Protein backbone atom coordinates (compact mmCIF):
# COMPACT_ATOMS: atom_id res chain seq x y z
CA MET A 1 -10.89 -11.57 -16.55
CA ILE A 2 -12.67 -8.42 -17.62
CA PHE A 3 -11.14 -7.80 -21.03
CA GLY A 4 -9.25 -10.13 -23.31
CA ASP A 5 -6.29 -7.74 -23.52
CA PHE A 6 -5.95 -7.06 -19.80
CA ASN A 7 -2.59 -8.86 -19.59
CA ARG A 8 -1.18 -6.53 -22.23
CA PHE A 9 1.21 -4.76 -19.85
CA ASN A 10 4.09 -4.59 -22.32
CA VAL A 11 2.90 -1.21 -23.57
CA GLY A 12 5.33 1.69 -23.57
CA PRO A 13 5.62 4.06 -20.59
CA ASP A 14 3.90 6.90 -22.45
CA GLU A 15 0.96 4.67 -23.36
CA LYS A 16 0.43 3.03 -19.97
CA PRO A 17 -1.40 5.84 -18.15
CA THR A 18 -4.00 6.11 -20.92
CA TYR A 19 -4.31 2.34 -21.12
CA TYR A 20 -4.83 1.93 -17.37
CA ARG A 21 -7.20 4.88 -17.25
CA GLY A 22 -9.30 3.48 -20.07
CA ILE A 23 -9.81 0.16 -18.31
CA LEU A 24 -10.75 1.80 -15.04
CA ALA A 25 -13.00 4.42 -16.59
CA ARG A 26 -14.95 1.78 -18.55
CA LEU A 27 -15.59 -0.15 -15.36
CA LEU A 28 -16.55 2.96 -13.41
CA THR A 29 -19.08 4.07 -16.01
CA ASN A 30 -20.41 0.61 -16.77
CA PRO A 31 -19.46 -1.87 -14.02
CA GLY A 32 -22.04 -4.32 -15.31
CA THR A 33 -19.74 -5.22 -18.21
CA CYS A 34 -17.78 -7.61 -15.98
CA ARG A 35 -18.19 -9.95 -13.05
CA LEU A 36 -16.06 -7.84 -10.71
CA HIS A 37 -17.63 -6.04 -7.76
CA PHE A 38 -15.63 -2.92 -8.45
CA MET A 39 -17.71 -0.46 -6.47
CA SER A 40 -17.47 -2.51 -3.26
CA PHE A 41 -14.67 -0.16 -2.22
CA LYS A 42 -13.65 3.30 -3.32
CA ARG A 43 -11.20 4.55 -0.69
CA ILE A 44 -8.06 2.44 -0.39
CA MET A 45 -5.19 2.38 2.06
CA LEU A 46 -2.10 1.18 0.23
CA LYS A 47 0.76 -0.09 2.40
CA ILE A 48 3.99 -0.24 0.40
CA SER A 49 7.32 -1.46 1.70
CA GLY A 50 10.33 0.80 1.36
CA GLU A 51 12.15 -1.93 -0.56
CA ALA A 52 9.50 -1.67 -3.28
CA LEU A 53 11.00 1.69 -4.29
CA GLY A 54 14.52 0.30 -4.40
CA GLY A 55 14.23 -1.70 -7.59
CA ASP A 56 16.00 -5.06 -7.89
CA ASP A 57 18.30 -4.60 -4.89
CA GLY A 58 15.66 -3.01 -2.66
CA THR A 59 17.85 -0.13 -1.52
CA GLY A 60 17.56 3.61 -2.08
CA ILE A 61 15.11 4.83 -4.70
CA ASP A 62 15.15 3.47 -8.24
CA PRO A 63 13.80 6.14 -10.66
CA GLU A 64 12.16 3.67 -13.07
CA THR A 65 10.46 1.76 -10.26
CA LEU A 66 9.24 4.99 -8.71
CA GLU A 67 7.82 6.23 -12.01
CA SER A 68 6.06 2.94 -12.74
CA LEU A 69 4.43 2.90 -9.31
CA CYS A 70 3.38 6.55 -9.57
CA ARG A 71 1.79 6.02 -12.97
CA GLU A 72 -0.22 3.11 -11.61
CA ILE A 73 -1.40 5.15 -8.62
CA GLU A 74 -2.21 8.15 -10.80
CA ALA A 75 -4.32 6.05 -13.14
CA MET A 76 -6.32 4.70 -10.22
CA ALA A 77 -6.88 8.18 -8.83
CA GLU A 78 -7.83 9.52 -12.26
CA ALA A 79 -10.55 6.91 -12.47
CA GLY A 80 -12.06 8.08 -9.19
CA LEU A 81 -10.45 5.92 -6.54
CA GLU A 82 -9.37 7.72 -3.37
CA ILE A 83 -5.92 6.59 -2.29
CA ALA A 84 -4.04 6.94 0.97
CA ILE A 85 -0.54 5.48 1.27
CA VAL A 86 1.75 4.45 4.11
CA MET A 87 5.35 3.77 3.13
CA GLY A 88 7.83 1.55 4.89
CA ALA A 89 11.48 2.47 5.33
CA GLY A 90 13.43 -0.71 4.64
CA ASN A 91 15.18 0.72 1.58
CA PHE A 92 16.96 3.19 3.86
CA PHE A 93 16.84 1.95 7.44
CA ARG A 94 15.20 -0.71 9.59
CA GLY A 95 14.86 0.00 13.28
CA VAL A 96 15.14 -3.67 14.21
CA LYS A 97 18.57 -3.86 12.59
CA GLY A 98 19.68 -0.79 14.49
CA VAL A 99 18.54 -2.36 17.75
CA ALA A 100 20.34 -5.59 16.86
CA GLY A 101 23.49 -3.53 16.50
CA GLY A 102 23.12 -2.08 20.00
CA MET A 103 21.15 1.09 19.17
CA ASP A 104 18.52 2.37 21.57
CA ARG A 105 15.07 1.21 20.36
CA VAL A 106 13.48 4.65 20.55
CA THR A 107 16.31 6.24 18.56
CA ALA A 108 16.24 3.45 15.97
CA ASP A 109 12.49 3.77 15.49
CA GLN A 110 12.76 7.54 15.17
CA MET A 111 15.33 7.08 12.41
CA GLY A 112 12.90 4.72 10.70
CA MET A 113 10.17 7.37 10.91
CA ILE A 114 12.43 9.87 9.16
CA ALA A 115 13.19 7.29 6.46
CA THR A 116 9.46 6.85 5.77
CA LEU A 117 9.23 10.61 5.35
CA MET A 118 11.99 10.47 2.73
CA ASN A 119 10.05 7.82 0.82
CA ALA A 120 6.81 9.79 1.08
CA LEU A 121 8.52 12.89 -0.32
CA ALA A 122 9.94 10.85 -3.21
CA LEU A 123 6.48 9.46 -3.95
CA GLN A 124 4.95 12.93 -3.75
CA ASP A 125 7.48 14.23 -6.27
CA GLY A 126 6.96 11.25 -8.56
CA LEU A 127 3.19 11.66 -8.51
CA LYS A 128 3.53 15.37 -9.26
CA ARG A 129 5.60 14.54 -12.34
CA VAL A 130 2.86 12.26 -13.69
CA GLY A 131 0.16 14.85 -13.04
CA ARG A 132 -1.28 13.85 -9.67
CA THR A 133 -1.31 16.09 -6.60
CA ALA A 134 -0.23 14.34 -3.43
CA VAL A 135 0.06 15.68 0.10
CA VAL A 136 2.54 14.39 2.66
CA MET A 137 1.19 14.36 6.21
CA SER A 138 3.63 13.52 8.98
CA ALA A 139 3.00 12.09 12.44
CA ILE A 140 6.08 13.94 13.70
CA GLU A 141 6.91 17.63 13.46
CA THR A 142 8.78 18.47 10.26
CA GLY A 143 8.42 22.23 9.96
CA THR A 144 7.68 23.18 6.36
CA VAL A 145 8.58 19.76 4.92
CA ALA A 146 5.17 18.17 5.45
CA LYS A 147 1.78 18.94 6.94
CA PRO A 148 1.02 17.66 10.44
CA TYR A 149 -1.13 14.54 10.24
CA SER A 150 -4.85 15.20 10.64
CA ALA A 151 -7.55 12.63 9.98
CA MET A 152 -10.12 15.31 9.19
CA LEU A 153 -7.83 17.09 6.72
CA GLY A 154 -6.80 13.76 5.21
CA ARG A 155 -10.41 12.80 4.51
CA LYS A 156 -11.06 16.18 2.92
CA LEU A 157 -8.01 15.86 0.66
CA LEU A 158 -8.99 12.34 -0.38
CA SER A 159 -12.51 13.47 -1.27
CA LYS A 160 -10.95 16.09 -3.57
CA GLY A 161 -8.96 13.49 -5.48
CA LYS A 162 -5.59 14.14 -3.86
CA VAL A 163 -3.37 11.25 -2.81
CA VAL A 164 -2.60 11.37 0.91
CA LEU A 165 0.85 10.11 1.94
CA CYS A 166 0.98 9.30 5.65
CA ALA A 167 4.58 9.49 6.85
CA ALA A 168 6.46 8.78 10.11
CA GLY A 169 4.36 5.81 11.13
CA THR A 170 2.20 6.47 14.15
CA GLY A 171 4.74 8.97 15.47
CA ASN A 172 5.60 6.62 18.31
CA PRO A 173 8.35 4.03 18.74
CA TYR A 174 7.55 0.32 19.07
CA PHE A 175 4.83 0.49 16.39
CA THR A 176 5.44 -0.78 12.86
CA THR A 177 4.36 0.83 9.61
CA ASP A 178 1.88 -2.06 9.20
CA THR A 179 0.17 -0.92 12.39
CA ALA A 180 0.37 2.68 11.19
CA ALA A 181 -1.31 1.69 7.91
CA ALA A 182 -4.15 -0.09 9.72
CA LEU A 183 -4.61 2.87 12.08
CA ARG A 184 -4.60 5.46 9.30
CA ALA A 185 -6.96 3.32 7.21
CA LEU A 186 -9.48 3.40 10.03
CA GLU A 187 -9.01 7.10 10.76
CA LEU A 188 -9.36 8.02 7.10
CA LYS A 189 -12.40 5.73 6.70
CA CYS A 190 -10.84 3.54 4.03
CA ASP A 191 -12.88 0.64 2.69
CA ILE A 192 -9.96 -1.76 2.43
CA MET A 193 -6.23 -1.97 3.07
CA PHE A 194 -3.86 -3.33 0.43
CA LYS A 195 -0.71 -4.74 2.00
CA THR A 196 1.96 -5.31 -0.67
CA THR A 197 4.67 -7.90 -0.08
CA MET A 198 7.35 -9.88 -1.88
CA VAL A 199 4.97 -12.83 -2.37
CA ASP A 200 1.46 -13.14 -3.78
CA GLY A 201 -0.49 -13.60 -0.57
CA VAL A 202 -0.52 -15.32 2.79
CA TYR A 203 1.04 -18.78 3.12
CA ASP A 204 1.12 -21.28 5.97
CA LYS A 205 4.92 -20.88 5.99
CA ASP A 206 7.53 -18.88 4.15
CA PRO A 207 7.17 -19.80 0.44
CA LEU A 208 10.65 -18.44 -0.27
CA LYS A 209 12.11 -21.09 2.04
CA PHE A 210 9.60 -23.93 1.75
CA PRO A 211 8.48 -25.08 -1.75
CA ASP A 212 5.53 -26.96 -0.22
CA ALA A 213 4.07 -23.83 1.40
CA VAL A 214 0.31 -23.56 0.94
CA ARG A 215 -1.29 -20.28 -0.13
CA PHE A 216 -4.61 -19.09 1.28
CA ASP A 217 -7.13 -17.42 -1.02
CA LYS A 218 -9.04 -16.18 2.02
CA ILE A 219 -8.34 -16.33 5.73
CA THR A 220 -9.83 -14.83 8.86
CA TYR A 221 -8.18 -12.43 11.28
CA ASP A 222 -8.49 -15.07 14.00
CA GLU A 223 -6.71 -17.69 11.88
CA VAL A 224 -3.83 -15.30 11.19
CA LEU A 225 -3.51 -14.61 14.92
CA GLU A 226 -3.85 -18.25 15.98
CA ARG A 227 -1.30 -19.46 13.44
CA GLN A 228 0.92 -16.42 14.11
CA LEU A 229 1.45 -15.99 10.38
CA LYS A 230 4.16 -13.47 9.59
CA VAL A 231 2.39 -11.59 6.81
CA MET A 232 2.10 -8.47 8.96
CA ASP A 233 2.54 -7.74 12.63
CA LEU A 234 -0.11 -9.05 14.98
CA THR A 235 -0.93 -5.59 16.35
CA ALA A 236 -1.99 -4.48 12.88
CA ILE A 237 -4.14 -7.58 12.39
CA THR A 238 -5.77 -7.08 15.79
CA LEU A 239 -6.51 -3.46 14.95
CA ALA A 240 -8.04 -4.43 11.60
CA ARG A 241 -10.12 -7.16 13.23
CA GLY A 242 -11.47 -4.77 15.87
CA SER A 243 -13.06 -2.57 13.18
CA ASN A 244 -13.61 -5.26 10.54
CA LEU A 245 -11.21 -3.63 8.06
CA PRO A 246 -10.58 -6.01 5.13
CA VAL A 247 -6.91 -6.54 4.31
CA LEU A 248 -5.76 -7.76 0.91
CA VAL A 249 -2.21 -9.11 0.89
CA LEU A 250 -0.70 -9.13 -2.61
CA LYS A 251 2.55 -8.86 -4.51
CA LEU A 252 3.55 -5.52 -5.96
CA ASP A 253 4.74 -6.89 -9.30
CA GLY A 254 5.10 -3.74 -11.41
CA LYS A 255 2.64 -5.24 -13.92
CA GLY A 256 -0.60 -3.71 -12.73
CA SER A 257 -1.33 -5.89 -9.70
CA ILE A 258 -2.72 -3.07 -7.57
CA ILE A 259 -4.85 -1.81 -10.46
CA LYS A 260 -6.29 -5.28 -10.96
CA ALA A 261 -6.91 -5.58 -7.22
CA ALA A 262 -8.59 -2.17 -7.22
CA LEU A 263 -10.89 -3.49 -9.93
CA GLY A 264 -11.94 -6.21 -7.50
CA GLU A 265 -9.64 -9.10 -8.41
CA THR A 266 -8.94 -10.11 -4.83
CA SER A 267 -7.88 -13.55 -6.08
CA LEU A 268 -4.52 -11.96 -6.93
CA GLY A 269 -3.70 -12.17 -3.24
CA THR A 270 -5.11 -13.30 0.08
CA LEU A 271 -8.14 -11.54 1.51
CA ILE A 272 -8.20 -11.30 5.32
CA THR A 273 -11.64 -10.71 6.81
CA SER A 274 -13.83 -11.80 9.71
CA GLY A 275 -14.98 -14.79 7.64
């Protein structure tokens, strides 16, 4: 660990932003004070499931959960990290469930794209309320609701310290938000992709069903593909492998996990690389 008090996440909501910021700023100005390789990445793609905004039941948008997440993101951005985000849509709608109920796949996926836009707008509003400017960029036409997605504009916004929220997936049906996150990470020249899940990394089988599941600290793209591990869809893994984009799979625990990971603590999850 970097500081003896780093697990002190029981501070009040008004104190947290300053607390997080202080930790990050100290590392940015004097990274030699710890063993972490903090400056190994500066621009991060953060893939967050829709359920993460829904609180305990994973549906809709829970105000306290949204605020906590936004404060964590704002603290990271304040310290100099450049953050792009792709949101899922499971708290509102999942295309696969619509298809299972007899819905046309294209229509179901389009509904999912709109749901990701709703989440991105909620995150934009939450970030604004904690003092961070965020810009929603949509892969589908939305009129005045969001800007059309542009990699060049996205990079420019990131370099100016604005959080870029990439909504509506890739804009095409049959592609998941995991694939969209990998694609946008490459287009925006991110150094790493954080994929948040309900568990703390990649396991050889579902740890929620099998108590003897084994967790990997590190694993290669090829191993994920060969084992057909269900941590994220295989198209996303293939895309990341093709451009050697590191993927860190970790649990979004509401206790600073993404801040710790941003500081370089990849042991909090499973790091997927070429080996």
